[in-house]
Amino acid sequence: MAPALQEAMVGTLDRHARKKRWCSRSKRWWTPELKDLRKALGKAIRNRRPNGMSRVQEARRELH
């Protein structure tokens, strides 16, 4: 029963839903390096002191 149901669902989707187009740029843009930079920015924001805004600004610059 499961294969027949799956076949019916795939057939219906193929007829009525728009297909996803993949291109060379269709890949994950969020790299481990960006993840680390985002973590560093969050840490700088949480640990800022009255004169610590320069660390936050530097972390933002690196992320962007």
PDB file of N, CA and C in Angstrom:
ATOM      1  N   MET A   1       0.824  -1.198   0.000  1.00  0.00           N
ATOM      2  CA  MET A   1       0.000   0.000   0.000  1.00  0.00           C
ATOM      3  C   MET A   1       0.869   1.264   0.000  1.00  0.00           C
ATOM      4  N   ALA A   2       1.951   1.231   0.771  1.00  0.00           N
ATOM      5  CA  ALA A   2       2.795   2.430   0.879  1.00  0.00           C
ATOM      6  C   ALA A   2       3.381   2.842  -0.462  1.00  0.00           C
ATOM      7  N   PRO A   3       3.925   1.918  -1.273  1.00  0.00           N
ATOM      8  CA  PRO A   3       4.457   2.347  -2.579  1.00  0.00           C
ATOM      9  C   PRO A   3       3.382   2.938  -3.490  1.00  0.00           C
ATOM     10  N   ALA A   4       2.170   2.381  -3.452  1.00  0.00           N
ATOM     11  CA  ALA A   4       1.093   2.904  -4.282  1.00  0.00           C
ATOM     12  C   ALA A   4       0.699   4.308  -3.840  1.00  0.00           C
ATOM     13  N   LEU A   5       0.649   4.524  -2.532  1.00  0.00           N
ATOM     14  CA  LEU A   5       0.321   5.844  -2.004  1.00  0.00           C
ATOM     15  C   LEU A   5       1.401   6.856  -2.371  1.00  0.00           C
ATOM     16  N   GLN A   6       2.662   6.443  -2.236  1.00  0.00           N
ATOM     17  CA  GLN A   6       3.763   7.336  -2.594  1.00  0.00           C
ATOM     18  C   GLN A   6       3.731   7.676  -4.077  1.00  0.00           C
ATOM     19  N   GLU A   7       3.453   6.705  -4.895  1.00  0.00           N
ATOM     20  CA  GLU A   7       3.368   6.928  -6.339  1.00  0.00           C
ATOM     21  C   GLU A   7       2.251   7.901  -6.679  1.00  0.00           C
ATOM     22  N   ALA A   8       1.106   7.758  -6.014  1.00  0.00           N
ATOM     23  CA  ALA A   8      -0.016   8.660  -6.248  1.00  0.00           C
ATOM     24  C   ALA A   8       0.331  10.083  -5.819  1.00  0.00           C
ATOM     25  N   MET A   9       0.993  10.213  -4.681  1.00  0.00           N
ATOM     26  CA  MET A   9       1.364  11.551  -4.199  1.00  0.00           C
ATOM     27  C   MET A   9       2.384  12.204  -5.127  1.00  0.00           C
ATOM     28  N   VAL A  10       3.386  11.452  -5.561  1.00  0.00           N
ATOM     29  CA  VAL A  10       4.410  12.001  -6.455  1.00  0.00           C
ATOM     30  C   VAL A  10       3.782  12.399  -7.785  1.00  0.00           C
ATOM     31  N   GLY A  11       2.900  11.572  -8.290  1.00  0.00           N
ATOM     32  CA  GLY A  11       2.229  11.893  -9.556  1.00  0.00           C
ATOM     33  C   GLY A  11       1.405  13.166  -9.455  1.00  0.00           C
ATOM     34  N   THR A  12       0.676  13.325  -8.361  1.00  0.00           N
ATOM     35  CA  THR A  12      -0.129  14.529  -8.152  1.00  0.00           C
ATOM     36  C   THR A  12       0.757  15.761  -8.047  1.00  0.00           C
ATOM     37  N   LEU A  13       1.825  15.653  -7.279  1.00  0.00           N
ATOM     38  CA  LEU A  13       2.738  16.795  -7.153  1.00  0.00           C
ATOM     39  C   LEU A  13       3.398  17.139  -8.483  1.00  0.00           C
ATOM     40  N   ASP A  14       3.776  16.125  -9.251  1.00  0.00           N
ATOM     41  CA  ASP A  14       4.408  16.387 -10.545  1.00  0.00           C
ATOM     42  C   ASP A  14       3.461  17.133 -11.483  1.00  0.00           C
ATOM     43  N   ARG A  15       2.188  16.838 -11.401  1.00  0.00           N
ATOM     44  CA  ARG A  15       1.219  17.503 -12.282  1.00  0.00           C
ATOM     45  C   ARG A  15       0.869  18.916 -11.819  1.00  0.00           C
ATOM     46  N   HIS A  16       0.832  19.158 -10.500  1.00  0.00           N
ATOM     47  CA  HIS A  16       0.279  20.411 -10.003  1.00  0.00           C
ATOM     48  C   HIS A  16       1.272  21.365  -9.348  1.00  0.00           C
ATOM     49  N   ALA A  17       2.403  20.888  -8.908  1.00  0.00           N
ATOM     50  CA  ALA A  17       3.343  21.751  -8.189  1.00  0.00           C
ATOM     51  C   ALA A  17       4.474  22.179  -9.118  1.00  0.00           C
ATOM     52  N   ARG A  18       4.977  23.362  -8.862  1.00  0.00           N
ATOM     53  CA  ARG A  18       6.088  23.872  -9.636  1.00  0.00           C
ATOM     54  C   ARG A  18       7.369  23.165  -9.203  1.00  0.00           C
ATOM     55  N   LYS A  19       8.172  22.758 -10.152  1.00  0.00           N
ATOM     56  CA  LYS A  19       9.419  22.066  -9.843  1.00  0.00           C
ATOM     57  C   LYS A  19      10.461  23.050  -9.351  1.00  0.00           C
ATOM     58  N   LYS A  20      11.292  22.610  -8.435  1.00  0.00           N
ATOM     59  CA  LYS A  20      12.385  23.420  -7.908  1.00  0.00           C
ATOM     60  C   LYS A  20      13.498  23.439  -8.943  1.00  0.00           C
ATOM     61  N   ARG A  21      13.971  24.640  -9.244  1.00  0.00           N
ATOM     62  CA  ARG A  21      15.065  24.767 -10.195  1.00  0.00           C
ATOM     63  C   ARG A  21      16.374  24.904  -9.431  1.00  0.00           C
ATOM     64  N   TRP A  22      17.341  24.103  -9.778  1.00  0.00           N
ATOM     65  CA  TRP A  22      18.652  24.162  -9.152  1.00  0.00           C
ATOM     66  C   TRP A  22      19.635  24.785 -10.112  1.00  0.00           C
ATOM     67  N   CYS A  23      20.495  25.615  -9.593  1.00  0.00           N
ATOM     68  CA  CYS A  23      21.534  26.206 -10.417  1.00  0.00           C
ATOM     69  C   CYS A  23      22.869  26.077  -9.687  1.00  0.00           C
ATOM     70  N   SER A  24      23.919  26.559 -10.285  1.00  0.00           N
ATOM     71  CA  SER A  24      25.243  26.413  -9.688  1.00  0.00           C
ATOM     72  C   SER A  24      25.363  27.183  -8.379  1.00  0.00           C
ATOM     73  N   ARG A  25      24.545  28.207  -8.202  1.00  0.00           N
ATOM     74  CA  ARG A  25      24.601  28.986  -6.964  1.00  0.00           C
ATOM     75  C   ARG A  25      23.642  28.473  -5.903  1.00  0.00           C
ATOM     76  N   SER A  26      22.933  27.393  -6.154  1.00  0.00           N
ATOM     77  CA  SER A  26      21.989  26.831  -5.195  1.00  0.00           C
ATOM     78  C   SER A  26      22.738  25.941  -4.213  1.00  0.00           C
ATOM     79  N   LYS A  27      23.409  26.573  -3.309  1.00  0.00           N
ATOM     80  CA  LYS A  27      24.134  25.823  -2.295  1.00  0.00           C
ATOM     81  C   LYS A  27      24.064  26.594  -0.988  1.00  0.00           C
ATOM     82  N   ARG A  28      24.448  25.928   0.070  1.00  0.00           N
ATOM     83  CA  ARG A  28      24.385  26.555   1.380  1.00  0.00           C
ATOM     84  C   ARG A  28      25.391  27.684   1.455  1.00  0.00           C
ATOM     85  N   TRP A  29      24.964  28.840   1.888  1.00  0.00           N
ATOM     86  CA  TRP A  29      25.866  29.981   1.984  1.00  0.00           C
ATOM     87  C   TRP A  29      26.400  30.128   3.398  1.00  0.00           C
ATOM     88  N   TRP A  30      25.780  29.431   4.354  1.00  0.00           N
ATOM     89  CA  TRP A  30      26.195  29.589   5.737  1.00  0.00           C
ATOM     90  C   TRP A  30      27.317  28.603   6.027  1.00  0.00           C
ATOM     91  N   THR A  31      28.543  29.068   5.965  1.00  0.00           N
ATOM     92  CA  THR A  31      29.715  28.222   6.151  1.00  0.00           C
ATOM     93  C   THR A  31      30.097  28.153   7.630  1.00  0.00           C
ATOM     94  N   PRO A  32      30.922  27.191   8.002  1.00  0.00           N
ATOM     95  CA  PRO A  32      31.383  27.123   9.402  1.00  0.00           C
ATOM     96  C   PRO A  32      32.127  28.384   9.837  1.00  0.00           C
ATOM     97  N   GLU A  33      32.844  29.025   8.904  1.00  0.00           N
ATOM     98  CA  GLU A  33      33.555  30.257   9.254  1.00  0.00           C
ATOM     99  C   GLU A  33      32.574  31.363   9.647  1.00  0.00           C
ATOM    100  N   LEU A  34      31.476  31.483   8.882  1.00  0.00           N
ATOM    101  CA  LEU A  34      30.465  32.490   9.216  1.00  0.00           C
ATOM    102  C   LEU A  34      29.787  32.163  10.547  1.00  0.00           C
ATOM    103  N   LYS A  35      29.604  30.882  10.812  1.00  0.00           N
ATOM    104  CA  LYS A  35      29.000  30.476  12.079  1.00  0.00           C
ATOM    105  C   LYS A  35      29.890  30.906  13.246  1.00  0.00           C
ATOM    106  N   ASP A  36      31.195  30.708  13.084  1.00  0.00           N
ATOM    107  CA  ASP A  36      32.126  31.114  14.142  1.00  0.00           C
ATOM    108  C   ASP A  36      32.134  32.626  14.327  1.00  0.00           C
ATOM    109  N   LEU A  37      32.086  33.372  13.220  1.00  0.00           N
ATOM    110  CA  LEU A  37      32.055  34.840  13.325  1.00  0.00           C
ATOM    111  C   LEU A  37      30.784  35.317  14.012  1.00  0.00           C
ATOM    112  N   ARG A  38      29.672  34.658  13.715  1.00  0.00           N
ATOM    113  CA  ARG A  38      28.412  35.030  14.358  1.00  0.00           C
ATOM    114  C   ARG A  38      28.464  34.751  15.859  1.00  0.00           C
ATOM    115  N   LYS A  39      29.074  33.626  16.236  1.00  0.00           N
ATOM    116  CA  LYS A  39      29.240  33.315  17.654  1.00  0.00           C
ATOM    117  C   LYS A  39      30.115  34.361  18.338  1.00  0.00           C
ATOM    118  N   ALA A  40      31.183  34.768  17.667  1.00  0.00           N
ATOM    119  CA  ALA A  40      32.078  35.775  18.238  1.00  0.00           C
ATOM    120  C   ALA A  40      31.345  37.099  18.442  1.00  0.00           C
ATOM    121  N   LEU A  41      30.482  37.453  17.488  1.00  0.00           N
ATOM    122  CA  LEU A  41      29.706  38.680  17.631  1.00  0.00           C
ATOM    123  C   LEU A  41      28.755  38.581  18.815  1.00  0.00           C
ATOM    124  N   GLY A  42      28.069  37.466  18.955  1.00  0.00           N
ATOM    125  CA  GLY A  42      27.164  37.290  20.088  1.00  0.00           C
ATOM    126  C   GLY A  42      27.899  37.362  21.415  1.00  0.00           C
ATOM    127  N   LYS A  43      29.081  36.752  21.456  1.00  0.00           N
ATOM    128  CA  LYS A  43      29.875  36.785  22.681  1.00  0.00           C
ATOM    129  C   LYS A  43      30.320  38.209  23.000  1.00  0.00           C
ATOM    130  N   ALA A  44      30.724  38.960  21.974  1.00  0.00           N
ATOM    131  CA  ALA A  44      31.144  40.349  22.186  1.00  0.00           C
ATOM    132  C   ALA A  44      29.978  41.198  22.691  1.00  0.00           C
ATOM    133  N   ILE A  45      28.791  40.955  22.161  1.00  0.00           N
ATOM    134  CA  ILE A  45      27.616  41.728  22.591  1.00  0.00           C
ATOM    135  C   ILE A  45      27.272  41.392  24.042  1.00  0.00           C
ATOM    136  N   ARG A  46      27.324  40.105  24.397  1.00  0.00           N
ATOM    137  CA  ARG A  46      26.988  39.708  25.770  1.00  0.00           C
ATOM    138  C   ARG A  46      28.014  40.198  26.782  1.00  0.00           C
ATOM    139  N   ASN A  47      29.274  40.264  26.392  1.00  0.00           N
ATOM    140  CA  ASN A  47      30.340  40.595  27.329  1.00  0.00           C
ATOM    141  C   ASN A  47      30.805  42.048  27.236  1.00  0.00           C
ATOM    142  N   ARG A  48      30.052  42.902  26.593  1.00  0.00           N
ATOM    143  CA  ARG A  48      30.516  44.285  26.431  1.00  0.00           C
ATOM    144  C   ARG A  48      30.482  45.029  27.766  1.00  0.00           C
ATOM    145  N   ARG A  49      31.418  45.864  27.907  1.00  0.00           N
ATOM    146  CA  ARG A  49      31.528  46.742  29.065  1.00  0.00           C
ATOM    147  C   ARG A  49      31.256  48.164  28.581  1.00  0.00           C
ATOM    148  N   PRO A  50      31.267  49.147  29.459  1.00  0.00           N
ATOM    149  CA  PRO A  50      31.028  50.521  28.997  1.00  0.00           C
ATOM    150  C   PRO A  50      31.988  50.955  27.882  1.00  0.00           C
ATOM    151  N   ASN A  51      33.226  50.500  27.922  1.00  0.00           N
ATOM    152  CA  ASN A  51      34.177  50.872  26.872  1.00  0.00           C
ATOM    153  C   ASN A  51      34.410  49.735  25.880  1.00  0.00           C
ATOM    154  N   GLY A  52      33.594  48.709  25.909  1.00  0.00           N
ATOM    155  CA  GLY A  52      33.810  47.534  25.072  1.00  0.00           C
ATOM    156  C   GLY A  52      33.082  47.542  23.743  1.00  0.00           C
ATOM    157  N   MET A  53      32.511  48.662  23.348  1.00  0.00           N
ATOM    158  CA  MET A  53      31.786  48.707  22.074  1.00  0.00           C
ATOM    159  C   MET A  53      32.720  48.522  20.888  1.00  0.00           C
ATOM    160  N   SER A  54      33.993  48.825  21.044  1.00  0.00           N
ATOM    161  CA  SER A  54      34.908  48.657  19.916  1.00  0.00           C
ATOM    162  C   SER A  54      35.023  47.181  19.543  1.00  0.00           C
ATOM    163  N   ARG A  55      34.970  46.268  20.526  1.00  0.00           N
ATOM    164  CA  ARG A  55      34.999  44.829  20.217  1.00  0.00           C
ATOM    165  C   ARG A  55      33.754  44.414  19.448  1.00  0.00           C
ATOM    166  N   VAL A  56      32.619  44.957  19.842  1.00  0.00           N
ATOM    167  CA  VAL A  56      31.365  44.636  19.146  1.00  0.00           C
ATOM    168  C   VAL A  56      31.429  45.158  17.712  1.00  0.00           C
ATOM    169  N   GLN A  57      31.884  46.369  17.532  1.00  0.00           N
ATOM    170  CA  GLN A  57      31.972  46.946  16.190  1.00  0.00           C
ATOM    171  C   GLN A  57      32.948  46.165  15.320  1.00  0.00           C
ATOM    172  N   GLU A  58      34.065  45.732  15.901  1.00  0.00           N
ATOM    173  CA  GLU A  58      35.043  44.954  15.149  1.00  0.00           C
ATOM    174  C   GLU A  58      34.460  43.596  14.742  1.00  0.00           C
ATOM    175  N   ALA A  59      33.733  42.954  15.651  1.00  0.00           N
ATOM    176  CA  ALA A  59      33.104  41.665  15.342  1.00  0.00           C
ATOM    177  C   ALA A  59      32.058  41.821  14.248  1.00  0.00           C
ATOM    178  N   ARG A  60      31.305  42.918  14.291  1.00  0.00           N
ATOM    179  CA  ARG A  60      30.305  43.187  13.242  1.00  0.00           C
ATOM    180  C   ARG A  60      30.971  43.384  11.895  1.00  0.00           C
ATOM    181  N   ARG A  61      32.055  44.149  11.879  1.00  0.00           N
ATOM    182  CA  ARG A  61      32.787  44.376  10.631  1.00  0.00           C
ATOM    183  C   ARG A  61      33.288  43.064  10.041  1.00  0.00           C
ATOM    184  N   GLU A  62      33.845  42.212  10.890  1.00  0.00           N
ATOM    185  CA  GLU A  62      34.361  40.920  10.405  1.00  0.00           C
ATOM    186  C   GLU A  62      33.250  40.048   9.849  1.00  0.00           C
ATOM    187  N   LEU A  63      32.085  40.060  10.492  1.00  0.00           N
ATOM    188  CA  LEU A  63      30.978  39.255  10.021  1.00  0.00           C
ATOM    189  C   LEU A  63      30.457  39.754   8.683  1.00  0.00           C
ATOM    190  N   HIS A  64      30.344  41.081   8.551  1.00  0.00           N
ATOM    191  CA  HIS A  64      29.830  41.629   7.295  1.00  0.00           C
ATOM    192  C   HIS A  64      30.887  41.548   6.215  1.00  0.00           C
TER     193      HIS A  64
END
